[in-house]
Amino acid sequence: MKKKIAIGVQDYATLIENNDFYIDKTSFISEWWDSRDAVTLITRPRRFGKTLNMSMLDYFFSNKHAGRADLFEGLNIWKDEKYHALQGTYPVIFLSFANIKFADFENTRKAFNGTLWNLYLQYQDILNDPIFSDRDRELYDMVNRDMDTALASQSINNLCRWLSKYYGKKCIVLLDEYDTPMQEAYVHGYWDEITAFMWPLFNSTFKTNPCLDRAVMTGITRVSRESIFSDLNNLTIVTTTSDRYTTCFGFTEDEVFAAMDAQDIDPAEKENVKFWYDGFTFGKVSDIYNPWSVTLYLDEGKLGTHWANTSGNGLVGKLIQEGDAELKTEFEKLLDGEAIDASIDEQIVFSELQGNMDAVWSLLVASGYLKVVSVVFSGKRKPDYKLALTNFEVKCMFESMIERWFSTGSYFGRFMSAMLKGDEKAMNAYMQKVALNTFSYFDTGGKKEPERFYHGFVLGLIADKSDSYIVKSNRESGFGRYDVVMEPKDMKDTAVIMEFKVKDKSDGEETLYDTAIRALKQIEDKKYDTELLQRGIPSERIFKYGFAFEGEECLIVKG
């Protein structure tokens, strides 16, 4: 039976009370409870139902929702009567760091304090009970937006103590999106300040807290123990490669196809939905679908980059833009549909993201942009992974991201038009603007490295022309040696061969023109046009270009 699709609703009770579309994930309650783990950290990509599941835990366990059996009747958790007695019996502290997104530490600190203060306001009445001392009430009243770090770090611990004393039962703490402030801190450059703030808060809440029964944290990444988890030896970590809670987040293929049937969607569309949104693997369970995109598809009936176009891609874009030539070369392979070999470590060390490709791949896997195709255990300390883009939606997202890097003033598009027409003069005019506008994207620390630019430039070609051209490169990472072939999918279109070189006086190059001519000579000497000619493309429709770089200057000569 068709149901209303409520987009963006993350409150469990709202969905159930309105009888809106909901895929039953209540088995998560029993699986987590039966684990008896003290503190559980679960990492999943964004928009994968983490907040909705945390809301579900709150409604099930919190004594604020006692007597709400109606929210669970008929669902998986209610089939086992032993769980009936648990509903609504615990003091539960439920908070989220999802909105703590600021470009500086001072505003971030105030946002933390505001989140904790709002939490306190929910319980202000209980401190009137005579079981609490004047000192308790004084401490309670000291919590506000301007409190110091020492008080903030103890705030949840103190609240657990008061709730436990009032209700006679230890607390459950639910913390959603714990790592959002940390990702913002890394992007905006205040990592040390944020970890110094969060470490005592986490230690006080989850380690030295005698009034804590159990806790769950959710996030996208598993941040390294050296940052905020150094003292939490009671922490159970469940990542995307773990075999626990594998079907609790995201939709299985059976769930997606059953939902499509219930919404009266043409069965022939199932393969298209699979192509766009399947590809996630949690533990040994494959064919996990992105729930945000599936839900929007069920509502609108249109395929598109729903999940990939939501916020949260800033860090990913920054790492690819600022990555070295080798990283961009590997990314070319991914955009071409190939798999790459990598070592990954699910314990993300943010300080290693710059200059460590394996750390970048690890973050992309944790965030859901890459999937593990296979794992090879070769006897080394860590296994080798074969990674690929997760699905077509992710591929579209990266292509759009790269296109935006080159969209300034539309010079890139004009350059491409001139190149395909063989207009050498216009190419040079536009390329100077393209180079000036995009060098800053691909060079860091004030270093001007042309190799980073033209590796990024090739990513732009792949993203912009993938519908009509097969873009091939030799992908050698040696400085200044990088040929590119644009092979048309339609035999009537123009083919293009490009060779990039950096001016080198030791090779007798006095001018950029000398360098460009040497690039053209390499195209001829190495017969880069052989495959194009064999395909039947006449030589007059194979344009050859030598690119010469010196600093931010570029000269292009047509052969």
Protein backbone atom coordinates (compact mmCIF):
# COMPACT_ATOMS: atom_id res chain seq x y z
CA MET A 1 0.00 0.00 0.00
CA LYS A 2 1.34 3.42 -0.96
CA LYS A 3 2.43 5.65 1.90
CA LYS A 4 3.29 9.31 2.23
CA ILE A 5 7.02 9.91 1.83
CA ALA A 6 8.05 12.41 4.51
CA ILE A 7 11.35 13.91 3.33
CA GLY A 8 13.88 14.95 5.95
CA VAL A 9 11.88 13.81 9.00
CA GLN A 10 14.38 12.49 11.55
CA ASP A 11 12.03 12.16 14.50
CA TYR A 12 11.01 8.54 14.87
CA ALA A 13 7.66 9.19 16.55
CA THR A 14 6.55 11.61 13.83
CA LEU A 15 6.98 8.96 11.13
CA ILE A 16 5.18 6.26 13.10
CA GLU A 17 2.31 8.45 14.34
CA ASN A 18 1.62 9.75 10.84
CA ASN A 19 1.92 6.28 9.31
CA ASP A 20 4.49 7.67 6.87
CA PHE A 21 6.88 5.54 4.83
CA TYR A 22 9.28 3.77 7.19
CA ILE A 23 11.50 0.74 6.76
CA ASP A 24 11.61 -1.22 10.02
CA LYS A 25 15.03 -0.89 11.66
CA THR A 26 13.91 -1.67 15.21
CA SER A 27 16.04 -4.82 15.27
CA PHE A 28 18.89 -2.39 15.95
CA ILE A 29 17.44 -1.89 19.45
CA SER A 30 17.72 -5.55 20.42
CA GLU A 31 21.06 -6.11 18.68
CA TRP A 32 22.61 -3.17 20.51
CA TRP A 33 21.02 -3.97 23.86
CA ASP A 34 22.03 -7.63 23.76
CA SER A 35 25.65 -6.69 22.96
CA ARG A 36 26.00 -5.24 26.49
CA ASP A 37 28.77 -2.93 25.22
CA ALA A 38 29.49 -0.01 27.52
CA VAL A 39 30.21 2.64 24.86
CA THR A 40 29.56 2.00 21.18
CA LEU A 41 30.80 4.16 18.29
CA ILE A 42 29.07 3.43 14.97
CA THR A 43 30.38 5.06 11.79
CA ARG A 44 28.30 5.29 8.64
CA PRO A 45 28.18 7.74 5.70
CA ARG A 46 26.05 10.87 6.06
CA ARG A 47 22.31 10.61 5.45
CA PHE A 48 22.29 6.88 6.24
CA GLY A 49 19.67 6.91 8.98
CA LYS A 50 21.97 7.50 11.95
CA THR A 51 19.88 10.31 13.44
CA LEU A 52 16.59 8.47 12.89
CA ASN A 53 17.96 5.36 14.61
CA MET A 54 19.23 7.42 17.54
CA SER A 55 15.78 9.02 17.82
CA MET A 56 14.31 5.51 17.80
CA LEU A 57 16.59 4.47 20.69
CA ASP A 58 15.53 7.56 22.62
CA TYR A 59 11.81 6.84 22.18
CA PHE A 60 12.31 3.23 23.16
CA PHE A 61 14.43 3.65 26.30
CA SER A 62 13.72 7.14 27.64
CA ASN A 63 11.39 7.46 30.61
CA LYS A 64 10.18 10.68 29.01
CA HIS A 65 8.40 8.39 26.54
CA ALA A 66 7.14 5.79 29.00
CA GLY A 67 3.93 4.11 27.93
CA ARG A 68 4.57 4.67 24.20
CA ALA A 69 4.30 1.03 23.23
CA ASP A 70 2.16 2.22 20.30
CA LEU A 71 5.34 3.44 18.61
CA PHE A 72 6.70 -0.11 18.40
CA GLU A 73 3.72 -2.43 18.17
CA GLY A 74 3.79 -4.53 15.01
CA LEU A 75 7.50 -3.88 14.42
CA ASN A 76 10.37 -6.33 14.82
CA ILE A 77 11.36 -5.29 18.34
CA TRP A 78 7.86 -5.92 19.70
CA LYS A 79 7.79 -9.54 18.48
CA ASP A 80 9.94 -10.55 21.46
CA GLU A 81 8.06 -9.89 24.69
CA LYS A 82 11.20 -9.67 26.80
CA TYR A 83 11.81 -6.18 25.39
CA HIS A 84 8.36 -4.88 26.32
CA ALA A 85 9.47 -4.31 29.92
CA LEU A 86 12.38 -2.10 28.78
CA GLN A 87 10.36 0.53 26.94
CA GLY A 88 10.41 3.90 28.66
CA THR A 89 12.43 2.84 31.72
CA TYR A 90 15.75 4.74 31.55
CA PRO A 91 16.85 8.34 31.97
CA VAL A 92 18.25 9.11 28.52
CA ILE A 93 20.45 12.05 27.50
CA PHE A 94 20.14 12.58 23.74
CA LEU A 95 22.17 15.31 22.04
CA SER A 96 23.65 16.05 18.65
CA PHE A 97 26.69 17.97 17.40
CA ALA A 98 25.27 18.14 13.85
CA ASN A 99 24.86 21.93 13.88
CA ILE A 100 28.26 22.79 15.33
CA LYS A 101 29.76 24.01 12.06
CA PHE A 102 31.82 27.17 12.33
CA ALA A 103 34.96 28.56 10.75
CA ASP A 104 36.62 29.51 14.04
CA PHE A 105 37.08 27.94 17.44
CA GLU A 106 35.49 30.67 19.54
CA ASN A 107 32.12 30.34 17.84
CA THR A 108 32.47 26.57 17.93
CA ARG A 109 33.08 26.66 21.69
CA LYS A 110 30.00 28.84 22.18
CA ALA A 111 27.95 26.43 20.07
CA PHE A 112 29.10 23.51 22.22
CA ASN A 113 28.15 25.42 25.34
CA GLY A 114 24.79 26.34 23.84
CA THR A 115 24.08 22.70 23.00
CA LEU A 116 24.89 21.64 26.57
CA TRP A 117 22.85 24.52 28.02
CA ASN A 118 19.80 23.55 25.93
CA LEU A 119 20.22 20.00 27.20
CA TYR A 120 20.16 21.27 30.79
CA LEU A 121 16.98 23.28 30.18
CA GLN A 122 15.13 20.01 29.55
CA TYR A 123 15.70 18.95 33.16
CA GLN A 124 15.59 22.20 35.11
CA ASP A 125 12.56 21.15 37.19
CA ILE A 126 14.17 18.12 38.82
CA LEU A 127 16.74 20.28 40.65
CA ASN A 128 13.88 21.69 42.74
CA ASP A 129 13.61 18.34 44.48
CA PRO A 130 14.92 18.49 48.09
CA ILE A 131 17.23 15.51 47.43
CA PHE A 132 19.56 17.98 45.71
CA SER A 133 21.83 20.37 47.57
CA ASP A 134 22.29 24.08 47.08
CA ARG A 135 25.71 23.28 45.56
CA ASP A 136 23.99 21.07 42.97
CA ARG A 137 21.65 23.89 42.04
CA GLU A 138 24.54 26.34 41.92
CA LEU A 139 26.45 24.09 39.53
CA TYR A 140 23.33 23.62 37.43
CA ASP A 141 22.82 27.38 37.11
CA MET A 142 26.46 27.93 36.10
CA VAL A 143 25.95 26.06 32.82
CA ASN A 144 25.44 28.64 30.07
CA ARG A 145 26.86 29.77 26.72
CA ASP A 146 29.83 31.51 28.38
CA MET A 147 30.94 28.76 30.79
CA ASP A 148 34.61 27.79 30.82
CA THR A 149 36.00 24.56 29.36
CA ALA A 150 36.41 22.92 32.76
CA LEU A 151 32.72 23.25 33.57
CA ALA A 152 31.64 22.28 30.04
CA SER A 153 33.72 19.11 30.20
CA GLN A 154 31.92 18.00 33.38
CA SER A 155 28.42 19.03 32.34
CA ILE A 156 27.15 15.70 30.99
CA ASN A 157 28.81 13.80 33.83
CA ASN A 158 27.05 16.03 36.36
CA LEU A 159 23.71 15.69 34.57
CA CYS A 160 24.05 11.89 34.59
CA ARG A 161 24.69 12.04 38.33
CA TRP A 162 21.60 14.16 39.02
CA LEU A 163 19.32 12.08 36.75
CA SER A 164 20.57 8.86 38.28
CA LYS A 165 19.94 10.20 41.78
CA TYR A 166 16.46 11.43 40.86
CA TYR A 167 15.28 8.31 38.99
CA GLY A 168 17.31 5.70 40.86
CA LYS A 169 18.79 4.33 37.66
CA LYS A 170 21.96 4.90 35.63
CA CYS A 171 21.72 6.88 32.40
CA ILE A 172 21.93 6.06 28.72
CA VAL A 173 23.76 8.70 26.65
CA LEU A 174 23.09 9.05 22.91
CA LEU A 175 25.45 11.37 20.99
CA ASP A 176 24.71 11.88 17.30
CA GLU A 177 27.24 13.20 14.74
CA TYR A 178 30.07 13.44 17.25
CA ASP A 179 32.68 14.17 14.56
CA THR A 180 30.99 17.05 12.69
CA PRO A 181 32.85 19.76 14.69
CA MET A 182 36.13 17.92 14.15
CA GLN A 183 35.78 17.87 10.37
CA GLU A 184 34.99 21.59 10.42
CA ALA A 185 38.02 22.20 12.66
CA TYR A 186 40.31 20.39 10.24
CA VAL A 187 38.99 22.30 7.21
CA HIS A 188 39.24 25.69 8.96
CA GLY A 189 42.51 25.17 10.81
CA TYR A 190 41.71 24.92 14.53
CA TRP A 191 42.23 21.18 15.04
CA ASP A 192 44.39 21.48 18.16
CA GLU A 193 41.87 23.72 19.91
CA ILE A 194 38.91 21.43 19.17
CA THR A 195 40.64 18.27 20.35
CA ALA A 196 41.82 20.03 23.52
CA PHE A 197 38.19 20.98 24.18
CA MET A 198 36.57 17.64 23.31
CA TRP A 199 39.03 15.27 24.99
CA PRO A 200 38.08 16.14 28.62
CA LEU A 201 34.38 16.22 27.69
CA PHE A 202 34.53 12.71 26.21
CA ASN A 203 36.70 11.38 29.02
CA SER A 204 34.34 12.74 31.69
CA THR A 205 31.20 11.57 29.90
CA PHE A 206 32.17 8.10 28.71
CA LYS A 207 35.06 6.96 30.91
CA THR A 208 35.02 8.45 34.43
CA ASN A 209 31.24 8.43 34.75
CA PRO A 210 29.91 6.03 37.42
CA CYS A 211 26.32 6.97 36.56
CA LEU A 212 26.56 5.90 32.92
CA ASP A 213 24.83 2.63 32.03
CA ARG A 214 25.56 2.59 28.32
CA ALA A 215 26.21 4.97 25.47
CA VAL A 216 26.02 5.15 21.69
CA MET A 217 27.88 7.60 19.48
CA THR A 218 27.41 7.95 15.74
CA GLY A 219 29.50 9.73 13.14
CA ILE A 220 31.03 9.42 9.70
CA THR A 221 34.62 8.78 10.72
CA ARG A 222 36.51 6.87 13.36
CA VAL A 223 38.81 9.58 14.65
CA SER A 224 42.17 8.32 15.91
CA ARG A 225 42.57 7.37 19.55
CA GLU A 226 45.37 9.90 19.86
CA SER A 227 42.90 12.78 19.58
CA ILE A 228 39.78 12.48 21.77
CA PHE A 229 39.53 8.77 22.57
CA SER A 230 42.94 8.20 24.14
CA ASP A 231 41.49 7.17 27.52
CA LEU A 232 38.40 5.28 26.33
CA ASN A 233 39.45 1.66 26.69
CA ASN A 234 35.76 0.76 27.10
CA LEU A 235 34.93 1.86 23.53
CA THR A 236 33.51 -0.63 21.01
CA ILE A 237 34.00 0.66 17.45
CA VAL A 238 31.75 -0.49 14.61
CA THR A 239 32.90 0.75 11.19
CA THR A 240 31.67 0.01 7.69
CA THR A 241 33.86 -3.11 7.49
CA SER A 242 32.57 -4.53 10.80
CA ASP A 243 30.07 -7.39 10.81
CA ARG A 244 27.76 -5.79 13.37
CA TYR A 245 24.65 -3.72 12.65
CA THR A 246 25.21 -4.38 8.93
CA THR A 247 21.57 -3.93 7.87
CA CYS A 248 20.57 -1.39 10.54
CA PHE A 249 21.70 1.65 8.54
CA GLY A 250 20.86 2.09 4.88
CA PHE A 251 18.38 0.00 2.88
CA THR A 252 18.96 -3.56 1.67
CA GLU A 253 18.08 -4.42 -1.90
CA ASP A 254 15.07 -6.45 -0.78
CA GLU A 255 13.83 -3.45 1.24
CA VAL A 256 14.25 -1.09 -1.70
CA PHE A 257 12.50 -3.33 -4.19
CA ALA A 258 9.67 -4.05 -1.75
CA ALA A 259 9.21 -0.30 -1.22
CA MET A 260 9.09 0.27 -4.97
CA ASP A 261 6.39 -2.40 -5.28
CA ALA A 262 4.41 -0.81 -2.43
CA GLN A 263 4.61 2.59 -4.15
CA ASP A 264 3.41 1.06 -7.45
CA ILE A 265 6.63 1.88 -9.33
CA ASP A 266 7.26 0.05 -12.59
CA PRO A 267 9.36 -3.08 -11.81
CA ALA A 268 11.46 -2.31 -14.88
CA GLU A 269 12.91 0.66 -12.96
CA LYS A 270 14.59 -1.55 -10.37
CA GLU A 271 17.76 -2.00 -12.40
CA ASN A 272 18.07 1.76 -12.91
CA VAL A 273 17.69 2.39 -9.18
CA LYS A 274 20.32 -0.28 -8.49
CA PHE A 275 22.73 1.34 -10.98
CA TRP A 276 22.33 4.76 -9.37
CA TYR A 277 22.14 4.01 -5.64
CA ASP A 278 23.46 0.52 -4.85
CA GLY A 279 27.12 -0.20 -4.12
CA PHE A 280 27.58 0.24 -0.38
CA THR A 281 28.95 -2.70 1.61
CA PHE A 282 28.82 -3.00 5.40
CA GLY A 283 30.77 -5.92 6.77
CA LYS A 284 30.02 -8.94 4.60
CA VAL A 285 26.65 -7.56 3.49
CA SER A 286 26.69 -5.99 0.03
CA ASP A 287 23.91 -4.36 -1.99
CA ILE A 288 23.22 -1.67 0.59
CA TYR A 289 21.46 1.35 -0.89
CA ASN A 290 21.73 5.02 0.01
CA PRO A 291 18.45 5.68 1.88
CA TRP A 292 18.31 9.44 1.27
CA SER A 293 18.39 9.10 -2.51
CA VAL A 294 16.04 6.11 -2.52
CA THR A 295 13.51 8.00 -0.37
CA LEU A 296 13.63 11.04 -2.66
CA TYR A 297 13.29 8.80 -5.69
CA LEU A 298 10.23 7.13 -4.17
CA ASP A 299 8.74 10.58 -3.55
CA GLU A 300 9.60 12.26 -6.85
CA GLY A 301 9.93 9.32 -9.20
CA LYS A 302 13.11 10.84 -10.64
CA LEU A 303 16.67 9.55 -10.60
CA GLY A 304 19.34 12.07 -9.69
CA THR A 305 22.23 13.02 -7.42
CA HIS A 306 20.08 13.48 -4.34
CA TRP A 307 22.54 12.29 -1.66
CA ALA A 308 25.65 13.53 -3.42
CA ASN A 309 24.25 17.06 -3.75
CA THR A 310 23.52 17.51 -0.04
CA SER A 311 26.00 19.40 2.12
CA GLY A 312 29.09 17.70 3.45
CA ASN A 313 31.42 17.48 0.45
CA GLY A 314 33.73 20.35 1.44
CA LEU A 315 36.47 18.26 3.03
CA VAL A 316 36.45 15.77 0.16
CA GLY A 317 36.77 18.54 -2.41
CA LYS A 318 39.59 20.19 -0.47
CA LEU A 319 41.62 16.98 -0.31
CA ILE A 320 41.31 16.26 -4.02
CA GLN A 321 42.03 19.85 -5.05
CA GLU A 322 45.12 20.06 -2.89
CA GLY A 323 46.28 16.49 -3.47
CA ASP A 324 49.49 15.85 -5.33
CA ALA A 325 49.79 14.66 -8.93
CA GLU A 326 49.79 10.99 -7.93
CA LEU A 327 46.46 11.34 -6.12
CA LYS A 328 44.92 13.09 -9.12
CA THR A 329 46.26 10.38 -11.40
CA GLU A 330 44.56 7.72 -9.29
CA PHE A 331 41.39 9.77 -9.33
CA GLU A 332 41.45 9.79 -13.12
CA LYS A 333 41.29 6.01 -12.99
CA LEU A 334 38.33 6.10 -10.63
CA LEU A 335 36.42 8.51 -12.88
CA ASP A 336 37.18 6.24 -15.83
CA GLY A 337 35.47 3.36 -14.02
CA GLU A 338 38.65 1.60 -12.98
CA ALA A 339 39.54 0.26 -9.53
CA ILE A 340 42.68 1.36 -7.71
CA ASP A 341 44.91 -0.45 -5.23
CA ALA A 342 45.32 1.13 -1.81
CA SER A 343 46.04 0.49 1.84
CA ILE A 344 43.40 1.93 4.13
CA ASP A 345 43.14 2.45 7.87
CA GLU A 346 39.68 3.05 9.28
CA GLN A 347 41.19 4.99 12.18
CA ILE A 348 41.33 8.43 10.57
CA VAL A 349 44.28 10.56 11.58
CA PHE A 350 43.31 14.01 10.32
CA SER A 351 46.84 15.35 10.63
CA GLU A 352 47.92 12.80 8.00
CA LEU A 353 45.36 13.73 5.36
CA GLN A 354 47.76 16.16 3.70
CA GLY A 355 50.40 14.21 1.81
CA ASN A 356 49.16 10.72 2.70
CA MET A 357 47.12 9.15 -0.09
CA ASP A 358 46.14 6.13 1.99
CA ALA A 359 44.63 8.43 4.61
CA VAL A 360 42.61 10.19 1.90
CA TRP A 361 41.32 6.89 0.50
CA SER A 362 40.44 5.82 4.04
CA LEU A 363 38.33 8.94 4.54
CA LEU A 364 36.60 8.47 1.18
CA VAL A 365 35.71 4.88 2.07
CA ALA A 366 34.36 5.92 5.49
CA SER A 367 32.34 8.72 3.88
CA GLY A 368 30.77 6.38 1.34
CA TYR A 369 32.36 7.80 -1.81
CA LEU A 370 34.51 4.72 -2.44
CA LYS A 371 33.63 1.05 -1.97
CA VAL A 372 35.85 -1.93 -1.26
CA VAL A 373 35.80 -4.20 -4.31
CA SER A 374 38.12 -6.83 -2.84
CA VAL A 375 40.57 -7.39 0.00
CA VAL A 376 43.89 -9.19 -0.38
CA PHE A 377 45.74 -10.54 2.65
CA SER A 378 49.35 -10.89 1.55
CA GLY A 379 50.99 -11.42 4.92
CA LYS A 380 51.74 -7.74 5.43
CA ARG A 381 50.68 -5.88 8.56
CA LYS A 382 47.67 -4.44 6.74
CA PRO A 383 45.69 -5.96 3.84
CA ASP A 384 45.60 -4.41 0.39
CA TYR A 385 42.29 -3.12 -0.88
CA LYS A 386 40.92 -2.62 -4.35
CA LEU A 387 38.68 0.45 -4.35
CA ALA A 388 36.19 1.93 -6.82
CA LEU A 389 33.62 4.70 -6.92
CA THR A 390 30.56 3.51 -5.03
CA ASN A 391 27.95 4.00 -7.75
CA PHE A 392 26.83 6.20 -10.61
CA GLU A 393 25.46 8.90 -8.30
CA VAL A 394 28.88 9.35 -6.69
CA LYS A 395 30.54 9.51 -10.10
CA CYS A 396 28.14 12.27 -11.14
CA MET A 397 28.89 14.16 -7.94
CA PHE A 398 32.64 14.16 -8.53
CA GLU A 399 32.24 15.17 -12.15
CA SER A 400 30.08 18.13 -11.11
CA MET A 401 32.56 19.08 -8.39
CA ILE A 402 35.47 19.10 -10.82
CA GLU A 403 33.50 21.03 -13.42
CA ARG A 404 32.85 23.75 -10.83
CA TRP A 405 36.60 24.12 -10.24
CA PHE A 406 36.99 25.15 -13.88
CA SER A 407 33.79 27.12 -14.27
CA THR A 408 35.15 30.54 -13.25
CA GLY A 409 34.18 33.00 -15.96
CA SER A 410 33.29 30.03 -18.24
CA TYR A 411 36.84 30.23 -19.64
CA PHE A 412 37.28 26.47 -19.49
CA GLY A 413 34.22 25.89 -21.68
CA ARG A 414 35.37 28.50 -24.17
CA PHE A 415 38.83 26.99 -24.18
CA MET A 416 37.39 23.55 -24.93
CA SER A 417 35.32 24.92 -27.81
CA ALA A 418 38.38 26.62 -29.28
CA MET A 419 40.47 23.45 -28.94
CA LEU A 420 37.93 21.29 -30.74
CA LYS A 421 37.79 23.88 -33.55
CA GLY A 422 41.56 24.09 -33.83
CA ASP A 423 41.58 27.80 -32.96
CA GLU A 424 45.11 28.15 -31.56
CA LYS A 425 44.89 31.91 -30.94
CA ALA A 426 41.66 31.66 -28.91
CA MET A 427 43.03 28.67 -27.02
CA ASN A 428 46.01 30.68 -25.80
CA ALA A 429 43.86 33.62 -24.80
CA TYR A 430 41.49 31.48 -22.76
CA MET A 431 44.18 29.20 -21.31
CA GLN A 432 45.95 32.09 -19.64
CA LYS A 433 42.71 32.88 -17.79
CA VAL A 434 42.05 29.20 -17.01
CA ALA A 435 45.55 28.78 -15.62
CA LEU A 436 45.43 31.94 -13.51
CA ASN A 437 42.01 31.07 -12.10
CA THR A 438 42.75 27.43 -11.30
CA PHE A 439 46.40 27.26 -10.21
CA SER A 440 45.28 28.23 -6.73
CA TYR A 441 43.00 25.21 -6.56
CA PHE A 442 45.79 22.75 -7.17
CA ASP A 443 48.83 24.31 -5.55
CA THR A 444 49.31 24.64 -1.81
CA GLY A 445 51.71 26.46 0.46
CA GLY A 446 52.56 29.01 -2.21
CA LYS A 447 54.30 26.41 -4.41
CA LYS A 448 53.52 26.70 -8.09
CA GLU A 449 53.77 23.22 -9.57
CA PRO A 450 52.50 22.96 -13.16
CA GLU A 451 52.23 19.19 -12.82
CA ARG A 452 49.52 19.61 -10.18
CA PHE A 453 47.69 21.98 -12.50
CA TYR A 454 47.65 19.77 -15.56
CA HIS A 455 46.74 16.67 -13.62
CA GLY A 456 43.80 18.67 -12.33
CA PHE A 457 43.21 19.93 -15.88
CA VAL A 458 42.86 16.35 -17.12
CA LEU A 459 40.32 15.66 -14.37
CA GLY A 460 38.42 18.62 -15.80
CA LEU A 461 38.55 17.12 -19.29
CA ILE A 462 37.23 13.80 -18.02
CA ALA A 463 34.42 15.46 -16.08
CA ASP A 464 33.42 17.89 -18.84
CA LYS A 465 33.69 15.66 -21.91
CA SER A 466 32.99 12.15 -20.63
CA ASP A 467 29.68 12.01 -22.51
CA SER A 468 31.27 12.50 -25.92
CA TYR A 469 34.94 11.57 -25.47
CA ILE A 470 37.07 8.84 -23.98
CA VAL A 471 39.90 10.69 -22.27
CA LYS A 472 43.11 8.70 -22.01
CA SER A 473 46.43 9.62 -20.47
CA ASN A 474 49.73 7.84 -20.01
CA ARG A 475 49.45 8.61 -16.28
CA GLU A 476 53.16 8.70 -15.73
CA SER A 477 53.93 10.77 -12.67
CA GLY A 478 57.37 11.99 -13.72
CA PHE A 479 57.54 15.78 -13.70
CA GLY A 480 56.65 17.35 -17.01
CA ARG A 481 55.73 14.18 -18.93
CA TYR A 482 52.04 13.75 -19.44
CA ASP A 483 50.29 13.11 -22.77
CA VAL A 484 46.52 13.11 -23.15
CA VAL A 485 44.37 11.69 -25.92
CA MET A 486 40.72 12.65 -26.39
CA GLU A 487 39.16 9.90 -28.47
CA PRO A 488 35.69 10.77 -29.82
CA LYS A 489 32.83 8.36 -29.27
CA ASP A 490 31.30 9.61 -32.52
CA MET A 491 33.69 8.95 -35.41
CA LYS A 492 32.60 12.21 -37.05
CA ASP A 493 34.02 14.31 -34.21
CA THR A 494 37.53 15.72 -33.87
CA ALA A 495 40.18 13.81 -31.92
CA VAL A 496 42.75 15.64 -29.78
CA ILE A 497 46.27 14.78 -28.63
CA MET A 498 47.98 16.97 -26.00
CA GLU A 499 51.50 16.88 -24.59
CA PHE A 500 52.41 18.96 -21.51
CA LYS A 501 55.95 20.11 -20.80
CA VAL A 502 57.65 22.47 -18.40
CA LYS A 503 60.31 24.79 -19.83
CA ASP A 504 63.77 23.36 -19.21
CA LYS A 505 66.79 25.46 -20.20
CA SER A 506 69.06 22.45 -19.80
CA ASP A 507 67.36 21.03 -22.90
CA GLY A 508 68.23 24.15 -24.86
CA GLU A 509 64.81 25.77 -24.50
CA GLU A 510 65.19 29.54 -24.45
CA THR A 511 61.50 30.34 -24.92
CA LEU A 512 58.12 28.75 -24.18
CA TYR A 513 57.74 28.31 -27.92
CA ASP A 514 60.82 26.04 -27.92
CA THR A 515 59.23 23.95 -25.17
CA ALA A 516 55.89 23.69 -27.01
CA ILE A 517 57.67 22.61 -30.21
CA ARG A 518 59.51 19.90 -28.22
CA ALA A 519 56.14 18.69 -26.92
CA LEU A 520 54.80 18.47 -30.48
CA LYS A 521 57.92 16.61 -31.59
CA GLN A 522 57.31 14.02 -28.86
CA ILE A 523 53.76 13.46 -30.15
CA GLU A 524 55.17 12.79 -33.61
CA ASP A 525 58.20 10.76 -32.54
CA LYS A 526 56.17 8.46 -30.29
CA LYS A 527 53.33 8.19 -32.79
CA TYR A 528 50.60 8.99 -30.30
CA ASP A 529 48.08 9.09 -33.17
CA THR A 530 48.48 5.41 -34.11
CA GLU A 531 45.37 4.09 -32.36
CA LEU A 532 43.23 6.97 -33.62
CA LEU A 533 44.32 6.34 -37.22
CA GLN A 534 43.63 2.61 -36.79
CA ARG A 535 40.11 3.48 -35.65
CA GLY A 536 39.59 5.20 -38.98
CA ILE A 537 39.86 8.81 -37.85
CA PRO A 538 41.58 10.72 -40.68
CA SER A 539 44.75 12.62 -39.81
CA GLU A 540 43.16 15.97 -40.69
CA ARG A 541 40.68 15.47 -37.85
CA ILE A 542 43.37 14.66 -35.30
CA PHE A 543 44.45 17.92 -33.69
CA LYS A 544 47.85 17.88 -31.96
CA TYR A 545 48.80 20.44 -29.31
CA GLY A 546 52.01 21.12 -27.42
CA PHE A 547 51.52 22.80 -24.02
CA ALA A 548 54.47 24.66 -22.53
CA PHE A 549 54.50 25.89 -18.89
CA GLU A 550 56.70 28.30 -16.99
CA GLY A 551 55.30 29.34 -13.63
CA GLU A 552 51.72 30.42 -14.26
CA GLU A 553 52.40 31.16 -17.93
CA CYS A 554 51.31 28.75 -20.62
CA LEU A 555 51.81 28.66 -24.40
CA ILE A 556 50.00 26.28 -26.75
CA VAL A 557 51.21 25.47 -30.26
CA LYS A 558 49.12 23.47 -32.73
CA GLY A 559 50.88 20.89 -34.86
